[in-house]
Structure formats: structure tokens, C-alpha cells
Amino acid sequence: MTAGPVPLATPLTAPYWEGAKRRELWVQQCHSCGRHYFFPRPSCRYCFSTEVGWTVTSGRASLASYIINARPMPSFRTTDPQVIALVDLEEGPRMLTNVIGVEPDPGCLKLGMALQVDFVQRGEMALPVFRPRVEVSQ
């Protein structure tokens, strides 16, 4: 991932971005129904409770869908193709992100492939991205 726009935190998203600075992926969790969800919002997307909090995730995910964008993107200083993806976090939420560390080629990207969160710097902010997860055998 190359230099691009710097994300702006809002009061609602500040815990997410603070976690990212520590290289942790945080999502909201409802205290009423127990479900995790993403993107940040003031009430649970499932039961609408306002009794919500933040929790750190495992950072593990699987590839749900992707596109390979080969067109230059405004405000990015690269012409390299980018993998823009939907990933399913182990905790349940689906999020839009980039996949790095793999060739931007359909032959290298398999739906369901195991991913692990990583972070790239954008100015003072850290942006969560995902890369293929390497399983450690014992």
C-alpha cells in the first residue's frame, strides 16, 4: 500500500483509530445481544441497543470478495494495481479493506483464503489492511 489520503478520526471512530495506532483492530460489540459489528455507529445494527462498547479482535479474517483496481486512484501516488476487498472477520463483521502481500492476480486470490490484519502508516494514522495468513504448524 502506498501513500494516500490520511484518515480523519471523529468522536465516534476515535477508539478504532487509536487501536490502529497500537496495531490492534477494534470493532464495536453490543452489550445487549453480544454481536460484533463494523462500521462504527452509536447503536447496534442488529438489535438497535445503545449499550455498546469497543473490543479488540483477533485480527483473523477470510476473503469474501475482491476487485483488482488497475486504474490510478485520485490522491494516491501510485499506478500499481490494488486489491480492494471485503473480508469477514473471525468475530463476524464484514469490512472493506485492502489486501497486501499477494500479487494482484485472480490466480493468487482465493475466496475464503485466510487473512491476518496488518497496518500501514498514513501520516500520523495507521490504516488496517490484510495479508495472507501463514499458518504455523507445531
C-alpha atoms as a PDB file:
ATOM      1  CA  MET A   1       0.000   0.000   0.000  1.00  0.00           C
ATOM      2  CA  THR A   2       1.376   3.358  -0.917  1.00  0.00           C
ATOM      3  CA  ALA A   3       0.895   6.868   0.328  1.00  0.00           C
ATOM      4  CA  GLY A   4      -2.650   8.112   0.089  1.00  0.00           C
ATOM      5  CA  PRO A   5      -5.189  10.176   1.964  1.00  0.00           C
ATOM      6  CA  VAL A   6      -4.842  10.332   5.733  1.00  0.00           C
ATOM      7  CA  PRO A   7      -7.967   9.129   7.560  1.00  0.00           C
ATOM      8  CA  LEU A   8      -9.713  11.592   9.851  1.00  0.00           C
ATOM      9  CA  ALA A   9     -10.963  10.372  13.205  1.00  0.00           C
ATOM     10  CA  THR A  10     -14.326  11.548  14.501  1.00  0.00           C
ATOM     11  CA  PRO A  11     -15.506  11.319  18.118  1.00  0.00           C
ATOM     12  CA  LEU A  12     -17.383   8.129  17.184  1.00  0.00           C
ATOM     13  CA  THR A  13     -14.451   6.480  15.358  1.00  0.00           C
ATOM     14  CA  ALA A  14     -11.618   7.630  17.665  1.00  0.00           C
ATOM     15  CA  PRO A  15     -11.340   4.275  19.546  1.00  0.00           C
ATOM     16  CA  TYR A  16     -10.963   2.461  16.202  1.00  0.00           C
ATOM     17  CA  TRP A  17      -8.134   4.749  15.081  1.00  0.00           C
ATOM     18  CA  GLU A  18      -6.430   4.749  18.494  1.00  0.00           C
ATOM     19  CA  GLY A  19      -6.398   0.953  18.399  1.00  0.00           C
ATOM     20  CA  ALA A  20      -4.972   1.002  14.879  1.00  0.00           C
ATOM     21  CA  LYS A  21      -2.100   3.210  16.080  1.00  0.00           C
ATOM     22  CA  ARG A  22      -1.295   0.391  18.540  1.00  0.00           C
ATOM     23  CA  ARG A  23      -1.599  -2.149  15.684  1.00  0.00           C
ATOM     24  CA  GLU A  24      -4.857  -3.550  17.093  1.00  0.00           C
ATOM     25  CA  LEU A  25      -8.109  -3.931  15.182  1.00  0.00           C
ATOM     26  CA  TRP A  26     -11.041  -2.760  17.316  1.00  0.00           C
ATOM     27  CA  VAL A  27     -14.740  -3.130  16.494  1.00  0.00           C
ATOM     28  CA  GLN A  28     -17.879  -2.353  18.416  1.00  0.00           C
ATOM     29  CA  GLN A  29     -19.766  -5.016  20.347  1.00  0.00           C
ATOM     30  CA  CYS A  30     -23.324  -4.790  21.624  1.00  0.00           C
ATOM     31  CA  HIS A  31     -23.710  -5.375  25.370  1.00  0.00           C
ATOM     32  CA  SER A  32     -27.364  -6.403  24.854  1.00  0.00           C
ATOM     33  CA  CYS A  33     -27.157  -9.048  22.089  1.00  0.00           C
ATOM     34  CA  GLY A  34     -23.381  -9.684  22.205  1.00  0.00           C
ATOM     35  CA  ARG A  35     -22.807  -9.290  18.453  1.00  0.00           C
ATOM     36  CA  HIS A  36     -19.814  -7.512  16.948  1.00  0.00           C
ATOM     37  CA  TYR A  37     -20.314  -5.037  14.137  1.00  0.00           C
ATOM     38  CA  PHE A  38     -18.471  -2.717  11.819  1.00  0.00           C
ATOM     39  CA  PHE A  39     -18.606   0.207  10.786  1.00  0.00           C
ATOM     40  CA  PRO A  40     -18.810   2.302  13.960  1.00  0.00           C
ATOM     41  CA  ARG A  41     -22.245   3.670  14.861  1.00  0.00           C
ATOM     42  CA  PRO A  42     -23.961   4.820  18.058  1.00  0.00           C
ATOM     43  CA  SER A  43     -26.343   1.832  18.268  1.00  0.00           C
ATOM     44  CA  CYS A  44     -26.227  -1.874  17.487  1.00  0.00           C
ATOM     45  CA  ARG A  45     -27.058  -2.647  13.882  1.00  0.00           C
ATOM     46  CA  TYR A  46     -28.805  -5.861  14.933  1.00  0.00           C
ATOM     47  CA  CYS A  47     -30.953  -5.011  17.991  1.00  0.00           C
ATOM     48  CA  PHE A  48     -30.625  -1.194  17.978  1.00  0.00           C
ATOM     49  CA  SER A  49     -29.450  -1.086  21.599  1.00  0.00           C
ATOM     50  CA  THR A  50     -27.315   1.906  22.542  1.00  0.00           C
ATOM     51  CA  GLU A  51     -25.496  -0.231  25.147  1.00  0.00           C
ATOM     52  CA  VAL A  52     -22.393  -0.751  23.006  1.00  0.00           C
ATOM     53  CA  GLY A  53     -18.665  -0.790  23.583  1.00  0.00           C
ATOM     54  CA  TRP A  54     -15.377  -1.460  21.839  1.00  0.00           C
ATOM     55  CA  THR A  55     -13.387  -4.693  21.820  1.00  0.00           C
ATOM     56  CA  VAL A  56     -10.130  -5.791  20.218  1.00  0.00           C
ATOM     57  CA  THR A  57     -10.432  -8.517  17.578  1.00  0.00           C
ATOM     58  CA  SER A  58      -8.194 -11.463  16.794  1.00  0.00           C
ATOM     59  CA  GLY A  59      -7.246  -9.815  13.501  1.00  0.00           C
ATOM     60  CA  ARG A  60      -8.066 -13.039  11.648  1.00  0.00           C
ATOM     61  CA  ALA A  61     -10.350 -12.887   8.625  1.00  0.00           C
ATOM     62  CA  SER A  62     -11.245 -14.619   5.385  1.00  0.00           C
ATOM     63  CA  LEU A  63     -11.554 -13.167   1.904  1.00  0.00           C
ATOM     64  CA  ALA A  64     -15.222 -12.735   0.972  1.00  0.00           C
ATOM     65  CA  SER A  65     -14.884 -10.776  -2.292  1.00  0.00           C
ATOM     66  CA  TYR A  66     -12.425  -8.543  -4.100  1.00  0.00           C
ATOM     67  CA  ILE A  67     -11.656  -6.454  -7.131  1.00  0.00           C
ATOM     68  CA  ILE A  68      -8.294  -5.619  -8.605  1.00  0.00           C
ATOM     69  CA  ASN A  69      -8.186  -1.913  -9.335  1.00  0.00           C
ATOM     70  CA  ALA A  70      -5.601  -1.193 -12.014  1.00  0.00           C
ATOM     71  CA  ARG A  71      -6.692   2.403 -12.639  1.00  0.00           C
ATOM     72  CA  PRO A  72      -4.787   5.219 -10.957  1.00  0.00           C
ATOM     73  CA  MET A  73      -6.712   6.449  -7.918  1.00  0.00           C
ATOM     74  CA  PRO A  74      -7.102  10.164  -7.231  1.00  0.00           C
ATOM     75  CA  SER A  75      -4.872  11.405  -4.393  1.00  0.00           C
ATOM     76  CA  PHE A  76      -2.728   8.226  -4.421  1.00  0.00           C
ATOM     77  CA  ARG A  77       0.818   8.467  -5.663  1.00  0.00           C
ATOM     78  CA  THR A  78       0.956   5.135  -7.439  1.00  0.00           C
ATOM     79  CA  THR A  79      -0.167   3.437 -10.582  1.00  0.00           C
ATOM     80  CA  ASP A  80       0.287  -0.052  -9.068  1.00  0.00           C
ATOM     81  CA  PRO A  81      -2.834  -2.227  -9.022  1.00  0.00           C
ATOM     82  CA  GLN A  82      -4.568  -2.519  -5.646  1.00  0.00           C
ATOM     83  CA  VAL A  83      -6.650  -5.354  -4.251  1.00  0.00           C
ATOM     84  CA  ILE A  84      -9.793  -3.831  -2.754  1.00  0.00           C
ATOM     85  CA  ALA A  85     -11.589  -6.460  -0.713  1.00  0.00           C
ATOM     86  CA  LEU A  86     -14.435  -7.398   1.563  1.00  0.00           C
ATOM     87  CA  VAL A  87     -13.170  -9.543   4.414  1.00  0.00           C
ATOM     88  CA  ASP A  88     -15.139 -11.432   7.049  1.00  0.00           C
ATOM     89  CA  LEU A  89     -13.612 -11.009  10.479  1.00  0.00           C
ATOM     90  CA  GLU A  90     -13.490 -14.096  12.686  1.00  0.00           C
ATOM     91  CA  GLU A  91     -15.755 -12.221  15.122  1.00  0.00           C
ATOM     92  CA  GLY A  92     -18.441 -11.803  12.442  1.00  0.00           C
ATOM     93  CA  PRO A  93     -18.302  -8.308  10.916  1.00  0.00           C
ATOM     94  CA  ARG A  94     -17.509  -7.762   7.259  1.00  0.00           C
ATOM     95  CA  MET A  95     -15.265  -4.852   6.367  1.00  0.00           C
ATOM     96  CA  LEU A  96     -13.946  -3.120   3.274  1.00  0.00           C
ATOM     97  CA  THR A  97     -10.162  -3.008   3.149  1.00  0.00           C
ATOM     98  CA  ASN A  98      -7.117  -3.673   1.003  1.00  0.00           C
ATOM     99  CA  VAL A  99      -5.233  -6.958   0.703  1.00  0.00           C
ATOM    100  CA  ILE A 100      -1.457  -6.611   0.525  1.00  0.00           C
ATOM    101  CA  GLY A 101       1.411  -9.081   0.373  1.00  0.00           C
ATOM    102  CA  VAL A 102      -0.063 -11.028  -2.535  1.00  0.00           C
ATOM    103  CA  GLU A 103       0.128 -10.481  -6.277  1.00  0.00           C
ATOM    104  CA  PRO A 104      -2.909  -8.607  -7.620  1.00  0.00           C
ATOM    105  CA  ASP A 105      -3.830 -11.574  -9.800  1.00  0.00           C
ATOM    106  CA  PRO A 106      -7.010 -13.682  -9.602  1.00  0.00           C
ATOM    107  CA  GLY A 107      -4.840 -16.802  -9.609  1.00  0.00           C
ATOM    108  CA  CYS A 108      -3.319 -15.702  -6.293  1.00  0.00           C
ATOM    109  CA  LEU A 109      -6.540 -14.618  -4.587  1.00  0.00           C
ATOM    110  CA  LYS A 110      -8.892 -17.378  -3.478  1.00  0.00           C
ATOM    111  CA  LEU A 111     -12.261 -16.659  -1.906  1.00  0.00           C
ATOM    112  CA  GLY A 112     -12.203 -17.915   1.652  1.00  0.00           C
ATOM    113  CA  MET A 113      -8.430 -17.605   1.934  1.00  0.00           C
ATOM    114  CA  ALA A 114      -7.168 -16.969   5.457  1.00  0.00           C
ATOM    115  CA  LEU A 115      -6.049 -13.401   6.145  1.00  0.00           C
ATOM    116  CA  GLN A 116      -4.424 -11.559   9.037  1.00  0.00           C
ATOM    117  CA  VAL A 117      -4.654  -7.858   9.798  1.00  0.00           C
ATOM    118  CA  ASP A 118      -1.606  -5.677   9.237  1.00  0.00           C
ATOM    119  CA  PHE A 119      -1.211  -1.916   9.331  1.00  0.00           C
ATOM    120  CA  VAL A 120       0.229   0.702   7.001  1.00  0.00           C
ATOM    121  CA  GLN A 121       1.113   4.227   8.057  1.00  0.00           C
ATOM    122  CA  ARG A 122      -0.733   7.187   6.587  1.00  0.00           C
ATOM    123  CA  GLY A 123       0.717  10.306   8.122  1.00  0.00           C
ATOM    124  CA  GLU A 124       0.065  10.078  11.866  1.00  0.00           C
ATOM    125  CA  MET A 125      -2.573   7.383  11.369  1.00  0.00           C
ATOM    126  CA  ALA A 126      -2.302   3.622  10.901  1.00  0.00           C
ATOM    127  CA  LEU A 127      -4.670   2.028   8.404  1.00  0.00           C
ATOM    128  CA  PRO A 128      -5.761  -1.615   8.853  1.00  0.00           C
ATOM    129  CA  VAL A 129      -5.138  -3.791   5.792  1.00  0.00           C
ATOM    130  CA  PHE A 130      -4.964  -7.570   5.452  1.00  0.00           C
ATOM    131  CA  ARG A 131      -2.386 -10.025   4.148  1.00  0.00           C
ATOM    132  CA  PRO A 132      -2.460 -13.794   3.634  1.00  0.00           C
ATOM    133  CA  ARG A 133      -2.196 -15.589   6.972  1.00  0.00           C
ATOM    134  CA  VAL A 134       0.691 -18.000   7.349  1.00  0.00           C
ATOM    135  CA  GLU A 135      -0.341 -20.980   9.451  1.00  0.00           C
ATOM    136  CA  VAL A 136       2.281 -22.132  11.913  1.00  0.00           C
ATOM    137  CA  SER A 137       2.461 -25.905  12.263  1.00  0.00           C
ATOM    138  CA  GLN A 138       3.511 -27.441  15.557  1.00  0.00           C
END
